[in-house]
Amino acid sequence: SKKITAEEYVIEKGLDSIREDGNVLCVASLGLLFRGGSEAKMRKRLVENGQLQTIVYFPPGLLKHTGIPFCLVIVSQEL
């Protein structure tokens, strides 16, 4: 079986289940933006297909119980 990250799962399953005009919002670690392997392939596909709408960076210390930075990734169906 192919191993994927939680972020990849949320994005892929979200895109499979939304309406044509819908969006998927995923709170993700910054690693989603920089890691190689399957995440790099997914990023490339999202960009090439025009599905990546927005990435919003949130700094460390913003969440009460963790000091790690994170991002909000918004993707949509292919146009």
C-alpha atoms as a PDB file:
ATOM      1  CA  SER A   1       0.000   0.000   0.000  1.00  0.00           C
ATOM      2  CA  LYS A   2       1.148   3.549  -0.774  1.00  0.00           C
ATOM      3  CA  LYS A   3       1.999   5.672   2.268  1.00  0.00           C
ATOM      4  CA  ILE A   4       0.757   9.261   2.266  1.00  0.00           C
ATOM      5  CA  THR A   5       0.719  12.031   4.847  1.00  0.00           C
ATOM      6  CA  ALA A   6      -2.404  13.179   6.665  1.00  0.00           C
ATOM      7  CA  GLU A   7      -2.332  16.427   4.684  1.00  0.00           C
ATOM      8  CA  GLU A   8      -2.187  14.561   1.366  1.00  0.00           C
ATOM      9  CA  TYR A   9      -5.098  12.378   2.470  1.00  0.00           C
ATOM     10  CA  VAL A  10      -7.254  15.372   3.430  1.00  0.00           C
ATOM     11  CA  ILE A  11      -6.524  17.193   0.169  1.00  0.00           C
ATOM     12  CA  GLU A  12      -7.025  14.150  -2.087  1.00  0.00           C
ATOM     13  CA  LYS A  13     -10.209  12.918  -0.355  1.00  0.00           C
ATOM     14  CA  GLY A  14     -11.517  16.469  -0.141  1.00  0.00           C
ATOM     15  CA  LEU A  15     -11.062  17.026  -3.874  1.00  0.00           C
ATOM     16  CA  ASP A  16     -12.806  13.704  -4.548  1.00  0.00           C
ATOM     17  CA  SER A  17     -15.834  14.697  -2.474  1.00  0.00           C
ATOM     18  CA  ILE A  18     -16.490  18.398  -3.163  1.00  0.00           C
ATOM     19  CA  ARG A  19     -18.762  19.919  -5.762  1.00  0.00           C
ATOM     20  CA  GLU A  20     -17.263  21.350  -8.933  1.00  0.00           C
ATOM     21  CA  ASP A  21     -17.335  24.879  -7.490  1.00  0.00           C
ATOM     22  CA  GLY A  22     -16.155  23.859  -4.008  1.00  0.00           C
ATOM     23  CA  ASN A  23     -12.913  24.334  -2.118  1.00  0.00           C
ATOM     24  CA  VAL A  24     -10.888  22.180   0.258  1.00  0.00           C
ATOM     25  CA  LEU A  25      -9.249  23.861   3.253  1.00  0.00           C
ATOM     26  CA  CYS A  26      -6.454  21.937   4.957  1.00  0.00           C
ATOM     27  CA  VAL A  27      -4.478  22.968   8.020  1.00  0.00           C
ATOM     28  CA  ALA A  28      -1.011  21.573   7.366  1.00  0.00           C
ATOM     29  CA  SER A  29       2.508  21.552   8.668  1.00  0.00           C
ATOM     30  CA  LEU A  30       4.991  23.641   6.705  1.00  0.00           C
ATOM     31  CA  GLY A  31       6.608  20.384   5.602  1.00  0.00           C
ATOM     32  CA  LEU A  32       3.788  19.982   3.081  1.00  0.00           C
ATOM     33  CA  LEU A  33       5.277  22.931   1.207  1.00  0.00           C
ATOM     34  CA  PHE A  34       8.881  21.730   1.203  1.00  0.00           C
ATOM     35  CA  ARG A  35       9.162  17.934   1.477  1.00  0.00           C
ATOM     36  CA  GLY A  36       9.998  15.821  -1.562  1.00  0.00           C
ATOM     37  CA  GLY A  37       8.512  12.517  -2.689  1.00  0.00           C
ATOM     38  CA  SER A  38       4.758  12.147  -3.011  1.00  0.00           C
ATOM     39  CA  GLU A  39       4.137  15.597  -1.523  1.00  0.00           C
ATOM     40  CA  ALA A  40       6.296  17.235  -4.204  1.00  0.00           C
ATOM     41  CA  LYS A  41       4.367  15.361  -6.897  1.00  0.00           C
ATOM     42  CA  MET A  42       1.045  16.455  -5.400  1.00  0.00           C
ATOM     43  CA  ARG A  43       2.196  20.114  -5.184  1.00  0.00           C
ATOM     44  CA  LYS A  44       3.338  20.040  -8.813  1.00  0.00           C
ATOM     45  CA  ARG A  45       0.020  18.547  -9.975  1.00  0.00           C
ATOM     46  CA  LEU A  46      -2.038  21.064  -7.969  1.00  0.00           C
ATOM     47  CA  VAL A  47      -0.082  23.975  -9.453  1.00  0.00           C
ATOM     48  CA  GLU A  48      -0.106  22.634 -13.028  1.00  0.00           C
ATOM     49  CA  ASN A  49      -3.867  21.985 -12.859  1.00  0.00           C
ATOM     50  CA  GLY A  50      -4.597  25.426 -11.405  1.00  0.00           C
ATOM     51  CA  GLN A  51      -6.099  23.877  -8.276  1.00  0.00           C
ATOM     52  CA  LEU A  52      -3.893  25.588  -5.699  1.00  0.00           C
ATOM     53  CA  GLN A  53      -5.788  28.732  -4.730  1.00  0.00           C
ATOM     54  CA  THR A  54      -4.123  30.083  -1.581  1.00  0.00           C
ATOM     55  CA  ILE A  55      -1.533  29.298   1.062  1.00  0.00           C
ATOM     56  CA  VAL A  56      -1.733  31.265   4.317  1.00  0.00           C
ATOM     57  CA  TYR A  57       1.227  31.028   6.715  1.00  0.00           C
ATOM     58  CA  PHE A  58       0.632  31.207  10.475  1.00  0.00           C
ATOM     59  CA  PRO A  59       3.623  31.891  12.745  1.00  0.00           C
ATOM     60  CA  PRO A  60       4.763  29.821  15.718  1.00  0.00           C
ATOM     61  CA  GLY A  61       2.983  30.355  19.028  1.00  0.00           C
ATOM     62  CA  LEU A  62      -0.379  31.228  17.490  1.00  0.00           C
ATOM     63  CA  LEU A  63      -2.096  28.059  18.729  1.00  0.00           C
ATOM     64  CA  LYS A  64      -2.502  27.598  22.471  1.00  0.00           C
ATOM     65  CA  HIS A  65      -1.057  24.087  22.850  1.00  0.00           C
ATOM     66  CA  THR A  66       1.776  24.110  20.315  1.00  0.00           C
ATOM     67  CA  GLY A  67       4.563  26.403  19.264  1.00  0.00           C
ATOM     68  CA  ILE A  68       4.932  25.145  15.713  1.00  0.00           C
ATOM     69  CA  PRO A  69       4.112  27.223  12.634  1.00  0.00           C
ATOM     70  CA  PHE A  70       1.463  25.900  10.253  1.00  0.00           C
ATOM     71  CA  CYS A  71      -0.279  26.849   7.051  1.00  0.00           C
ATOM     72  CA  LEU A  72      -3.783  26.813   5.641  1.00  0.00           C
ATOM     73  CA  VAL A  73      -3.877  25.383   2.125  1.00  0.00           C
ATOM     74  CA  ILE A  74      -6.920  26.088  -0.071  1.00  0.00           C
ATOM     75  CA  VAL A  75      -7.411  24.026  -3.219  1.00  0.00           C
ATOM     76  CA  SER A  76     -10.305  23.724  -5.661  1.00  0.00           C
ATOM     77  CA  GLN A  77     -11.487  21.426  -8.421  1.00  0.00           C
ATOM     78  CA  GLU A  78      -9.848  21.755 -11.823  1.00  0.00           C
ATOM     79  CA  LEU A  79     -11.208  24.660 -13.814  1.00  0.00           C
END
